[in-house]
Amino acid sequence: MSNDLISIEQKIYEVRGQRVMLDFDLAELYQVETKVLNQSVKRNIRRFPSDFMFQLTKEECSRSQIVTLNTGRGSNIKYLPYAFTEQGVAMLSSVLHSNIAIKVNISIMRAFVAIKNHLAINTSSSREIEELKREVRLIHASIGEMKEDIASLDSYQENNDKQLDDLFNAFAKLSNQIQVKTAQLESKKERELN
């Protein structure tokens, strides 16, 4: 990407949900004064409906990192800047007839296209990332279910172990009782025989 294109892309801002360029940046690129650019636009105002051009509000300027307005005498910017959408920038070529304006307009249109292409790639990547996140959530849910199943099996195993211990203890006790009874019976038989 050429340095001119990068330089132009850095002058494209997002305002009111639209990508725009500001009058003073455009004037710099067209190598005219901002006042001259705005006068040309005002002479042809019918070519610039509100979806092609709008003036920033004081709030937009104060919230924005785009422009810093210094109020009072000797300020850098006397008037609120105008923002031109992609269509507004394209319309400027019909208002400004210099060779520089034509070349700059071509570069600006390429910059807008480059940004759209970049956003399309990022949108595609974002979808893929979201799909991967969804799959990871499903895997985590499956792992959670497996942990619950294992815990249930552990609980079942512990319960079985306790039952086996109880059964073994009961069997040992019964075996002891049988031995005691057997010994008593044998002893009784011997006494009867004697």
N, C-alpha and C. Protein backbone atom coordinates (compact mmCIF):
# COMPACT_ATOMS: atom_id res chain seq x y z
N MET A 1 0.85 -1.17 0.00
CA MET A 1 0.00 0.00 0.00
C MET A 1 0.90 1.23 0.00
N SER A 2 0.62 2.18 -0.86
CA SER A 2 1.47 3.36 -0.96
C SER A 2 1.29 4.25 0.26
N ASN A 3 2.30 5.09 0.49
CA ASN A 3 2.25 6.02 1.63
C ASN A 3 1.11 7.01 1.48
N ASP A 4 0.82 7.43 0.22
CA ASP A 4 -0.30 8.35 0.00
C ASP A 4 -1.61 7.74 0.45
N LEU A 5 -1.80 6.46 0.12
CA LEU A 5 -3.03 5.76 0.48
C LEU A 5 -3.14 5.64 2.00
N ILE A 6 -2.03 5.30 2.65
CA ILE A 6 -2.02 5.21 4.12
C ILE A 6 -2.32 6.57 4.73
N SER A 7 -1.71 7.61 4.18
CA SER A 7 -1.94 8.97 4.67
C SER A 7 -3.41 9.35 4.54
N ILE A 8 -4.01 9.01 3.42
CA ILE A 8 -5.43 9.32 3.21
C ILE A 8 -6.30 8.50 4.16
N GLU A 9 -5.99 7.21 4.32
CA GLU A 9 -6.79 6.36 5.21
C GLU A 9 -6.79 6.91 6.64
N GLN A 10 -5.70 7.52 7.05
CA GLN A 10 -5.62 8.08 8.40
C GLN A 10 -6.51 9.31 8.56
N LYS A 11 -6.97 9.87 7.46
CA LYS A 11 -7.85 11.04 7.50
C LYS A 11 -9.32 10.65 7.31
N ILE A 12 -9.59 9.37 7.27
CA ILE A 12 -10.97 8.90 7.18
C ILE A 12 -11.41 8.51 8.58
N TYR A 13 -12.48 9.15 9.05
CA TYR A 13 -12.95 8.96 10.41
C TYR A 13 -14.34 8.33 10.41
N GLU A 14 -14.71 7.84 11.57
CA GLU A 14 -16.06 7.29 11.75
C GLU A 14 -16.85 8.31 12.58
N VAL A 15 -17.89 8.89 11.97
CA VAL A 15 -18.75 9.86 12.65
C VAL A 15 -20.19 9.50 12.30
N ARG A 16 -21.04 9.42 13.31
CA ARG A 16 -22.46 9.07 13.13
C ARG A 16 -22.62 7.76 12.37
N GLY A 17 -21.71 6.84 12.64
CA GLY A 17 -21.79 5.52 12.02
C GLY A 17 -21.39 5.49 10.56
N GLN A 18 -20.78 6.56 10.07
CA GLN A 18 -20.36 6.63 8.67
C GLN A 18 -18.88 6.97 8.59
N ARG A 19 -18.23 6.47 7.54
CA ARG A 19 -16.85 6.86 7.30
C ARG A 19 -16.87 8.19 6.54
N VAL A 20 -16.15 9.17 7.08
CA VAL A 20 -16.17 10.52 6.49
C VAL A 20 -14.76 11.10 6.45
N MET A 21 -14.63 12.16 5.65
CA MET A 21 -13.42 12.97 5.65
C MET A 21 -13.85 14.39 5.98
N LEU A 22 -13.00 15.12 6.70
CA LEU A 22 -13.35 16.47 7.13
C LEU A 22 -12.83 17.50 6.13
N ASP A 23 -13.54 18.63 6.10
CA ASP A 23 -13.24 19.66 5.10
C ASP A 23 -11.79 20.11 5.13
N PHE A 24 -11.21 20.31 6.31
CA PHE A 24 -9.83 20.82 6.37
C PHE A 24 -8.82 19.79 5.87
N ASP A 25 -9.11 18.48 6.10
CA ASP A 25 -8.23 17.44 5.56
C ASP A 25 -8.33 17.39 4.03
N LEU A 26 -9.56 17.48 3.53
CA LEU A 26 -9.76 17.47 2.08
C LEU A 26 -9.09 18.68 1.43
N ALA A 27 -9.25 19.85 2.05
CA ALA A 27 -8.62 21.06 1.51
C ALA A 27 -7.11 20.90 1.45
N GLU A 28 -6.54 20.29 2.48
CA GLU A 28 -5.09 20.05 2.49
C GLU A 28 -4.70 19.14 1.33
N LEU A 29 -5.45 18.06 1.14
CA LEU A 29 -5.15 17.13 0.05
C LEU A 29 -5.31 17.78 -1.33
N TYR A 30 -6.37 18.59 -1.47
CA TYR A 30 -6.63 19.26 -2.75
C TYR A 30 -5.73 20.48 -2.95
N GLN A 31 -4.98 20.82 -1.93
CA GLN A 31 -4.06 21.97 -1.95
C GLN A 31 -4.80 23.28 -2.19
N VAL A 32 -5.92 23.42 -1.46
CA VAL A 32 -6.68 24.68 -1.45
C VAL A 32 -6.97 25.02 0.00
N GLU A 33 -7.37 26.26 0.24
CA GLU A 33 -7.76 26.64 1.60
C GLU A 33 -9.12 26.02 1.91
N THR A 34 -9.35 25.74 3.19
CA THR A 34 -10.63 25.17 3.63
C THR A 34 -11.77 26.09 3.21
N LYS A 35 -11.54 27.38 3.35
CA LYS A 35 -12.56 28.37 2.99
C LYS A 35 -12.94 28.24 1.51
N VAL A 36 -11.95 28.06 0.65
CA VAL A 36 -12.20 27.94 -0.80
C VAL A 36 -13.00 26.67 -1.09
N LEU A 37 -12.63 25.58 -0.45
CA LEU A 37 -13.36 24.31 -0.64
C LEU A 37 -14.81 24.48 -0.22
N ASN A 38 -15.03 25.05 0.97
CA ASN A 38 -16.40 25.21 1.48
C ASN A 38 -17.21 26.17 0.62
N GLN A 39 -16.58 27.22 0.07
CA GLN A 39 -17.29 28.15 -0.81
C GLN A 39 -17.73 27.44 -2.09
N SER A 40 -16.86 26.59 -2.63
CA SER A 40 -17.22 25.83 -3.84
C SER A 40 -18.40 24.92 -3.56
N VAL A 41 -18.40 24.30 -2.39
CA VAL A 41 -19.50 23.41 -2.01
C VAL A 41 -20.79 24.22 -1.86
N LYS A 42 -20.71 25.37 -1.19
CA LYS A 42 -21.92 26.18 -0.97
C LYS A 42 -22.50 26.71 -2.28
N ARG A 43 -21.62 26.99 -3.26
CA ARG A 43 -22.12 27.44 -4.57
C ARG A 43 -22.86 26.31 -5.29
N ASN A 44 -22.57 25.07 -4.91
CA ASN A 44 -23.19 23.90 -5.55
C ASN A 44 -23.89 23.03 -4.51
N ILE A 45 -24.53 23.65 -3.55
CA ILE A 45 -25.08 22.95 -2.38
C ILE A 45 -26.09 21.88 -2.76
N ARG A 46 -26.78 22.03 -3.90
CA ARG A 46 -27.78 21.02 -4.30
C ARG A 46 -27.12 19.67 -4.60
N ARG A 47 -25.84 19.69 -4.87
CA ARG A 47 -25.12 18.44 -5.15
C ARG A 47 -24.72 17.71 -3.86
N PHE A 48 -24.96 18.34 -2.71
CA PHE A 48 -24.49 17.78 -1.44
C PHE A 48 -25.64 17.63 -0.44
N PRO A 49 -26.51 16.63 -0.64
CA PRO A 49 -27.57 16.39 0.35
C PRO A 49 -26.96 15.93 1.67
N SER A 50 -27.78 15.81 2.68
CA SER A 50 -27.29 15.51 4.04
C SER A 50 -26.61 14.14 4.15
N ASP A 51 -26.88 13.22 3.22
CA ASP A 51 -26.18 11.94 3.29
C ASP A 51 -24.84 11.99 2.55
N PHE A 52 -24.53 13.15 1.94
CA PHE A 52 -23.22 13.36 1.30
C PHE A 52 -22.32 14.23 2.17
N MET A 53 -22.94 15.14 2.93
CA MET A 53 -22.17 16.11 3.72
C MET A 53 -23.01 16.59 4.90
N PHE A 54 -22.36 16.77 6.04
CA PHE A 54 -23.04 17.35 7.20
C PHE A 54 -22.00 18.08 8.05
N GLN A 55 -22.49 19.01 8.86
CA GLN A 55 -21.59 19.76 9.73
C GLN A 55 -21.54 19.09 11.10
N LEU A 56 -20.34 18.95 11.64
CA LEU A 56 -20.20 18.35 12.97
C LEU A 56 -20.79 19.28 14.01
N THR A 57 -21.32 18.72 15.08
CA THR A 57 -21.81 19.51 16.20
C THR A 57 -20.66 19.78 17.16
N LYS A 58 -20.86 20.73 18.07
CA LYS A 58 -19.82 21.01 19.08
C LYS A 58 -19.55 19.77 19.92
N GLU A 59 -20.62 19.03 20.24
CA GLU A 59 -20.47 17.81 21.04
C GLU A 59 -19.61 16.78 20.31
N GLU A 60 -19.87 16.61 19.02
CA GLU A 60 -19.07 15.65 18.24
C GLU A 60 -17.61 16.06 18.20
N CYS A 61 -17.39 17.35 18.08
CA CYS A 61 -16.00 17.84 18.07
C CYS A 61 -15.34 17.66 19.43
N SER A 62 -16.07 17.91 20.51
CA SER A 62 -15.47 17.80 21.84
C SER A 62 -15.27 16.35 22.24
N ARG A 63 -16.14 15.45 21.79
CA ARG A 63 -16.00 14.02 22.10
C ARG A 63 -14.94 13.37 21.23
N SER A 64 -14.71 13.97 20.10
CA SER A 64 -13.87 13.34 19.09
C SER A 64 -12.40 13.66 19.29
N GLN A 65 -11.57 12.74 18.85
CA GLN A 65 -10.14 13.00 18.83
C GLN A 65 -9.75 13.58 17.48
N ILE A 66 -10.71 13.76 16.62
CA ILE A 66 -10.46 14.25 15.27
C ILE A 66 -10.01 15.70 15.30
N VAL A 67 -10.78 16.52 15.97
CA VAL A 67 -10.52 17.95 15.97
C VAL A 67 -10.50 18.46 17.39
N THR A 68 -9.65 19.40 17.65
CA THR A 68 -9.65 20.07 18.94
C THR A 68 -10.00 21.52 18.66
N LEU A 69 -11.13 21.93 19.18
CA LEU A 69 -11.55 23.31 18.97
C LEU A 69 -11.07 24.16 20.14
N ASN A 70 -10.41 25.25 19.80
CA ASN A 70 -10.03 26.23 20.82
C ASN A 70 -10.98 27.40 20.67
N THR A 71 -11.76 27.64 21.70
CA THR A 71 -12.71 28.74 21.60
C THR A 71 -11.98 30.04 21.91
N GLY A 72 -12.53 31.10 21.43
CA GLY A 72 -11.95 32.40 21.73
C GLY A 72 -11.12 32.92 20.57
N ARG A 73 -10.59 34.09 20.80
CA ARG A 73 -9.83 34.81 19.76
C ARG A 73 -8.54 34.07 19.40
N GLY A 74 -8.26 34.02 18.11
CA GLY A 74 -7.03 33.38 17.66
C GLY A 74 -7.09 31.86 17.68
N SER A 75 -8.29 31.32 17.71
CA SER A 75 -8.42 29.86 17.77
C SER A 75 -8.02 29.24 16.44
N ASN A 76 -7.69 27.97 16.48
CA ASN A 76 -7.25 27.27 15.27
C ASN A 76 -8.39 27.10 14.28
N ILE A 77 -9.56 26.76 14.76
CA ILE A 77 -10.70 26.50 13.89
C ILE A 77 -11.84 27.42 14.31
N LYS A 78 -12.27 28.27 13.37
CA LYS A 78 -13.34 29.22 13.70
C LYS A 78 -14.71 28.58 13.59
N TYR A 79 -14.86 27.69 12.62
CA TYR A 79 -16.17 27.12 12.33
C TYR A 79 -16.14 25.61 12.52
N LEU A 80 -17.30 25.09 12.83
CA LEU A 80 -17.40 23.63 12.96
C LEU A 80 -17.14 23.01 11.59
N PRO A 81 -16.33 21.98 11.53
CA PRO A 81 -15.98 21.40 10.23
C PRO A 81 -17.14 20.64 9.59
N TYR A 82 -17.07 20.55 8.27
CA TYR A 82 -18.01 19.75 7.51
C TYR A 82 -17.41 18.36 7.31
N ALA A 83 -18.27 17.36 7.39
CA ALA A 83 -17.85 15.98 7.15
C ALA A 83 -18.45 15.53 5.82
N PHE A 84 -17.62 14.93 4.98
CA PHE A 84 -18.05 14.45 3.67
C PHE A 84 -18.01 12.93 3.67
N THR A 85 -19.14 12.32 3.32
CA THR A 85 -19.18 10.86 3.18
C THR A 85 -18.46 10.49 1.89
N GLU A 86 -18.35 9.20 1.64
CA GLU A 86 -17.69 8.74 0.42
C GLU A 86 -18.37 9.35 -0.82
N GLN A 87 -19.70 9.40 -0.81
CA GLN A 87 -20.43 9.97 -1.94
C GLN A 87 -20.17 11.47 -2.05
N GLY A 88 -20.07 12.13 -0.91
CA GLY A 88 -19.77 13.57 -0.90
C GLY A 88 -18.40 13.87 -1.47
N VAL A 89 -17.43 13.03 -1.11
CA VAL A 89 -16.07 13.21 -1.64
C VAL A 89 -16.09 13.00 -3.16
N ALA A 90 -16.83 11.99 -3.61
CA ALA A 90 -16.93 11.75 -5.05
C ALA A 90 -17.57 12.95 -5.75
N MET A 91 -18.55 13.56 -5.12
CA MET A 91 -19.23 14.72 -5.71
C MET A 91 -18.30 15.93 -5.77
N LEU A 92 -17.33 16.00 -4.87
CA LEU A 92 -16.39 17.13 -4.90
C LEU A 92 -15.66 17.22 -6.24
N SER A 93 -15.45 16.08 -6.88
CA SER A 93 -14.74 16.11 -8.17
C SER A 93 -15.53 16.89 -9.23
N SER A 94 -16.85 16.98 -9.05
CA SER A 94 -17.65 17.76 -10.01
C SER A 94 -17.65 19.25 -9.67
N VAL A 95 -17.16 19.57 -8.49
CA VAL A 95 -17.13 20.96 -8.04
C VAL A 95 -15.72 21.55 -8.21
N LEU A 96 -14.71 20.76 -7.89
CA LEU A 96 -13.32 21.20 -8.02
C LEU A 96 -12.76 20.60 -9.31
N HIS A 97 -12.33 21.43 -10.21
CA HIS A 97 -11.98 20.95 -11.55
C HIS A 97 -10.48 20.87 -11.81
N SER A 98 -9.65 21.06 -10.82
CA SER A 98 -8.20 21.06 -11.07
C SER A 98 -7.68 19.64 -11.26
N ASN A 99 -6.52 19.53 -11.89
CA ASN A 99 -5.88 18.22 -12.08
C ASN A 99 -5.54 17.58 -10.74
N ILE A 100 -5.12 18.40 -9.79
CA ILE A 100 -4.81 17.89 -8.45
C ILE A 100 -6.06 17.28 -7.84
N ALA A 101 -7.19 17.97 -7.97
CA ALA A 101 -8.45 17.47 -7.41
C ALA A 101 -8.81 16.12 -8.01
N ILE A 102 -8.59 15.96 -9.30
CA ILE A 102 -8.91 14.68 -9.96
C ILE A 102 -8.03 13.57 -9.41
N LYS A 103 -6.71 13.83 -9.34
CA LYS A 103 -5.77 12.82 -8.83
C LYS A 103 -6.07 12.47 -7.38
N VAL A 104 -6.32 13.50 -6.58
CA VAL A 104 -6.60 13.27 -5.15
C VAL A 104 -7.89 12.48 -5.00
N ASN A 105 -8.91 12.81 -5.78
CA ASN A 105 -10.18 12.09 -5.69
C ASN A 105 -10.00 10.61 -5.99
N ILE A 106 -9.21 10.30 -7.00
CA ILE A 106 -8.94 8.90 -7.34
C ILE A 106 -8.27 8.21 -6.16
N SER A 107 -7.30 8.87 -5.54
CA SER A 107 -6.61 8.28 -4.38
C SER A 107 -7.56 8.09 -3.20
N ILE A 108 -8.43 9.07 -2.99
CA ILE A 108 -9.38 8.98 -1.88
C ILE A 108 -10.35 7.81 -2.11
N MET A 109 -10.85 7.67 -3.33
CA MET A 109 -11.76 6.56 -3.63
C MET A 109 -11.06 5.22 -3.40
N ARG A 110 -9.79 5.13 -3.77
CA ARG A 110 -9.02 3.90 -3.52
C ARG A 110 -8.88 3.65 -2.02
N ALA A 111 -8.70 4.72 -1.26
CA ALA A 111 -8.58 4.56 0.20
C ALA A 111 -9.89 4.04 0.80
N PHE A 112 -11.02 4.60 0.35
CA PHE A 112 -12.31 4.11 0.85
C PHE A 112 -12.50 2.63 0.50
N VAL A 113 -12.13 2.25 -0.72
CA VAL A 113 -12.25 0.84 -1.15
C VAL A 113 -11.34 -0.04 -0.31
N ALA A 114 -10.11 0.43 -0.05
CA ALA A 114 -9.17 -0.36 0.76
C ALA A 114 -9.72 -0.58 2.16
N ILE A 115 -10.33 0.45 2.73
CA ILE A 115 -10.92 0.31 4.08
C ILE A 115 -12.07 -0.69 4.04
N LYS A 116 -12.92 -0.61 3.01
CA LYS A 116 -14.04 -1.57 2.89
C LYS A 116 -13.51 -3.00 2.78
N ASN A 117 -12.47 -3.18 1.97
CA ASN A 117 -11.88 -4.52 1.82
C ASN A 117 -11.30 -5.01 3.14
N HIS A 118 -10.64 -4.13 3.85
CA HIS A 118 -10.06 -4.49 5.15
C HIS A 118 -11.17 -4.89 6.13
N LEU A 119 -12.26 -4.12 6.13
CA LEU A 119 -13.39 -4.43 7.02
C LEU A 119 -14.03 -5.75 6.63
N ALA A 120 -14.11 -6.04 5.33
CA ALA A 120 -14.71 -7.30 4.89
C ALA A 120 -13.87 -8.48 5.37
N ILE A 121 -12.55 -8.35 5.28
CA ILE A 121 -11.66 -9.41 5.77
C ILE A 121 -11.82 -9.58 7.27
N ASN A 122 -11.86 -8.45 8.00
CA ASN A 122 -12.02 -8.53 9.45
C ASN A 122 -13.36 -9.12 9.84
N THR A 123 -14.41 -8.80 9.08
CA THR A 123 -15.74 -9.35 9.37
C THR A 123 -15.72 -10.86 9.19
N SER A 124 -15.08 -11.32 8.12
CA SER A 124 -14.97 -12.76 7.88
C SER A 124 -14.19 -13.43 9.01
N SER A 125 -13.09 -12.82 9.41
CA SER A 125 -12.29 -13.36 10.51
C SER A 125 -13.10 -13.35 11.80
N SER A 126 -13.87 -12.30 12.02
CA SER A 126 -14.69 -12.21 13.23
C SER A 126 -15.71 -13.33 13.28
N ARG A 127 -16.31 -13.64 12.12
CA ARG A 127 -17.28 -14.74 12.07
C ARG A 127 -16.61 -16.06 12.43
N GLU A 128 -15.41 -16.28 11.87
CA GLU A 128 -14.68 -17.51 12.16
C GLU A 128 -14.33 -17.59 13.65
N ILE A 129 -13.91 -16.48 14.22
CA ILE A 129 -13.57 -16.45 15.64
C ILE A 129 -14.81 -16.74 16.48
N GLU A 130 -15.95 -16.15 16.12
CA GLU A 130 -17.19 -16.40 16.85
C GLU A 130 -17.59 -17.86 16.77
N GLU A 131 -17.41 -18.47 15.60
CA GLU A 131 -17.73 -19.90 15.42
C GLU A 131 -16.82 -20.74 16.31
N LEU A 132 -15.54 -20.40 16.35
CA LEU A 132 -14.60 -21.13 17.22
C LEU A 132 -14.98 -20.96 18.69
N LYS A 133 -15.37 -19.75 19.08
CA LYS A 133 -15.79 -19.51 20.46
C LYS A 133 -17.01 -20.36 20.79
N ARG A 134 -17.96 -20.44 19.84
CA ARG A 134 -19.17 -21.25 20.06
C ARG A 134 -18.79 -22.71 20.25
N GLU A 135 -17.87 -23.20 19.42
CA GLU A 135 -17.44 -24.59 19.54
C GLU A 135 -16.73 -24.83 20.87
N VAL A 136 -15.92 -23.89 21.31
CA VAL A 136 -15.23 -24.02 22.60
C VAL A 136 -16.26 -24.07 23.73
N ARG A 137 -17.30 -23.21 23.64
CA ARG A 137 -18.35 -23.24 24.68
C ARG A 137 -19.04 -24.60 24.71
N LEU A 138 -19.31 -25.18 23.53
CA LEU A 138 -19.93 -26.51 23.47
C LEU A 138 -19.01 -27.56 24.09
N ILE A 139 -17.72 -27.47 23.80
CA ILE A 139 -16.76 -28.41 24.38
C ILE A 139 -16.72 -28.26 25.89
N HIS A 140 -16.72 -27.01 26.37
CA HIS A 140 -16.73 -26.78 27.82
C HIS A 140 -17.99 -27.36 28.45
N ALA A 141 -19.12 -27.19 27.78
CA ALA A 141 -20.37 -27.75 28.31
C ALA A 141 -20.28 -29.28 28.36
N SER A 142 -19.72 -29.89 27.32
CA SER A 142 -19.56 -31.35 27.30
C SER A 142 -18.63 -31.81 28.41
N ILE A 143 -17.56 -31.06 28.61
CA ILE A 143 -16.62 -31.40 29.69
C ILE A 143 -17.32 -31.30 31.04
N GLY A 144 -18.15 -30.26 31.20
CA GLY A 144 -18.90 -30.11 32.44
C GLY A 144 -19.83 -31.28 32.69
N GLU A 145 -20.51 -31.73 31.62
CA GLU A 145 -21.39 -32.89 31.75
C GLU A 145 -20.60 -34.14 32.11
N MET A 146 -19.42 -34.29 31.48
CA MET A 146 -18.58 -35.46 31.79
C MET A 146 -18.12 -35.42 33.25
N LYS A 147 -17.78 -34.23 33.73
CA LYS A 147 -17.36 -34.11 35.13
C LYS A 147 -18.50 -34.52 36.06
N GLU A 148 -19.72 -34.09 35.71
CA GLU A 148 -20.88 -34.47 36.52
C GLU A 148 -21.07 -35.98 36.49
N ASP A 149 -20.92 -36.58 35.31
CA ASP A 149 -21.06 -38.04 35.19
C ASP A 149 -19.99 -38.75 36.02
N ILE A 150 -18.76 -38.25 35.96
CA ILE A 150 -17.67 -38.85 36.73
C ILE A 150 -17.93 -38.70 38.22
N ALA A 151 -18.41 -37.51 38.62
CA ALA A 151 -18.73 -37.30 40.04
C ALA A 151 -19.83 -38.25 40.47
N SER A 152 -20.81 -38.44 39.58
CA SER A 152 -21.89 -39.37 39.88
C SER A 152 -21.35 -40.79 40.02
N LEU A 153 -20.44 -41.17 39.11
CA LEU A 153 -19.82 -42.50 39.20
C LEU A 153 -18.99 -42.63 40.47
N ASP A 154 -18.25 -41.57 40.81
CA ASP A 154 -17.47 -41.59 42.05
C ASP A 154 -18.38 -41.78 43.25
N SER A 155 -19.49 -41.05 43.25
CA SER A 155 -20.45 -41.17 44.34
C SER A 155 -21.02 -42.59 44.38
N TYR A 156 -21.34 -43.12 43.19
CA TYR A 156 -21.86 -44.48 43.09
C TYR A 156 -20.80 -45.47 43.59
N GLN A 157 -19.54 -45.25 43.18
CA GLN A 157 -18.44 -46.13 43.60
C GLN A 157 -18.27 -46.07 45.12
N GLU A 158 -18.31 -44.85 45.67
CA GLU A 158 -18.19 -44.70 47.12
C GLU A 158 -19.33 -45.44 47.82
N ASN A 159 -20.54 -45.31 47.28
CA ASN A 159 -21.70 -45.98 47.84
C ASN A 159 -21.52 -47.50 47.76
N ASN A 160 -21.04 -47.98 46.60
CA ASN A 160 -20.78 -49.42 46.44
C ASN A 160 -19.71 -49.89 47.41
N ASP A 161 -18.63 -49.10 47.53
CA ASP A 161 -17.55 -49.47 48.46
C ASP A 161 -18.09 -49.58 49.88
N LYS A 162 -18.96 -48.63 50.27
CA LYS A 162 -19.53 -48.66 51.63
C LYS A 162 -20.41 -49.90 51.79
N GLN A 163 -21.22 -50.19 50.77
CA GLN A 163 -22.08 -51.37 50.85
C GLN A 163 -21.25 -52.65 50.92
N LEU A 164 -20.18 -52.71 50.13
CA LEU A 164 -19.30 -53.89 50.18
C LEU A 164 -18.64 -54.02 51.54
N ASP A 165 -18.19 -52.88 52.10
CA ASP A 165 -17.60 -52.91 53.45
C ASP A 165 -18.62 -53.40 54.47
N ASP A 166 -19.84 -52.86 54.39
CA ASP A 166 -20.90 -53.29 55.31
C ASP A 166 -21.18 -54.79 55.14
N LEU A 167 -21.24 -55.23 53.89
CA LEU A 167 -21.49 -56.64 53.60
C LEU A 167 -20.36 -57.52 54.14
N PHE A 168 -19.11 -57.09 53.92
CA PHE A 168 -17.96 -57.84 54.41
C PHE A 168 -17.98 -57.91 55.94
N ASN A 169 -18.28 -56.77 56.57
CA ASN A 169 -18.34 -56.75 58.04
C ASN A 169 -19.45 -57.66 58.56
N ALA A 170 -20.60 -57.63 57.87
CA ALA A 170 -21.70 -58.50 58.28
C ALA A 170 -21.32 -59.96 58.08
N PHE A 171 -20.65 -60.27 56.95
CA PHE A 171 -20.20 -61.63 56.68
C PHE A 171 -19.18 -62.08 57.73
N ALA A 172 -18.25 -61.19 58.09
CA ALA A 172 -17.24 -61.52 59.10
C ALA A 172 -17.91 -61.78 60.45
N LYS A 173 -18.89 -60.94 60.79
CA LYS A 173 -19.60 -61.11 62.05
C LYS A 173 -20.37 -62.43 62.05
N LEU A 174 -21.04 -62.71 60.93
CA LEU A 174 -21.79 -63.96 60.80
C LEU A 174 -20.86 -65.16 60.87
N SER A 175 -19.71 -65.04 60.21
CA SER A 175 -18.72 -66.12 60.24
C SER A 175 -18.23 -66.35 61.66
N ASN A 176 -18.01 -65.28 62.39
CA ASN A 176 -17.61 -65.39 63.81
C ASN A 176 -18.69 -66.08 64.63
N GLN A 177 -19.93 -65.65 64.40
CA GLN A 177 -21.04 -66.25 65.14
C GLN A 177 -21.17 -67.74 64.82
N ILE A 178 -20.97 -68.09 63.55
CA ILE A 178 -21.04 -69.51 63.17
C ILE A 178 -19.94 -70.29 63.88
N GLN A 179 -18.74 -69.73 63.90
CA GLN A 179 -17.63 -70.41 64.57
C GLN A 179 -17.91 -70.58 66.06
N VAL A 180 -18.46 -69.52 66.66
CA VAL A 180 -18.78 -69.60 68.10
C VAL A 180 -19.85 -70.67 68.33
N LYS A 181 -20.91 -70.65 67.52
CA LYS A 181 -21.99 -71.64 67.67
C LYS A 181 -21.48 -73.05 67.42
N THR A 182 -20.63 -73.17 66.37
CA THR A 182 -20.07 -74.49 66.07
C THR A 182 -19.24 -74.98 67.25
N ALA A 183 -18.46 -74.12 67.80
CA ALA A 183 -17.62 -74.50 68.94
C ALA A 183 -18.50 -74.86 70.12
N GLN A 184 -19.58 -74.12 70.34
CA GLN A 184 -20.48 -74.42 71.45
C GLN A 184 -21.16 -75.77 71.24
N LEU A 185 -21.59 -76.03 70.01
CA LEU A 185 -22.25 -77.30 69.72
C LEU A 185 -21.30 -78.48 69.91
N GLU A 186 -20.08 -78.32 69.42
CA GLU A 186 -19.09 -79.39 69.58
C GLU A 186 -18.80 -79.62 71.06
N SER A 187 -18.72 -78.56 71.79
CA SER A 187 -18.45 -78.66 73.22
C SER A 187 -19.63 -79.34 73.91
N LYS A 188 -20.83 -79.03 73.51
CA LYS A 188 -22.01 -79.63 74.10
C LYS A 188 -22.07 -81.11 73.75
N LYS A 189 -21.73 -81.46 72.51
CA LYS A 189 -21.72 -82.86 72.09
C LYS A 189 -20.71 -83.64 72.91
N GLU A 190 -19.58 -83.10 73.11
CA GLU A 190 -18.53 -83.78 73.88
C GLU A 190 -19.00 -84.00 75.31
N ARG A 191 -19.68 -83.06 75.86
CA ARG A 191 -20.15 -83.21 77.23
C ARG A 191 -21.23 -84.27 77.31
N GLU A 192 -22.06 -84.32 76.30
CA GLU A 192 -23.11 -85.32 76.30
C GLU A 192 -22.52 -86.72 76.13
N LEU A 193 -21.50 -86.83 75.38
CA LEU A 193 -20.86 -88.12 75.16
C LEU A 193 -20.10 -88.53 76.42
N ASN A 194 -19.70 -87.66 77.14
CA ASN A 194 -18.96 -88.00 78.35
C ASN A 194 -19.91 -88.17 79.46
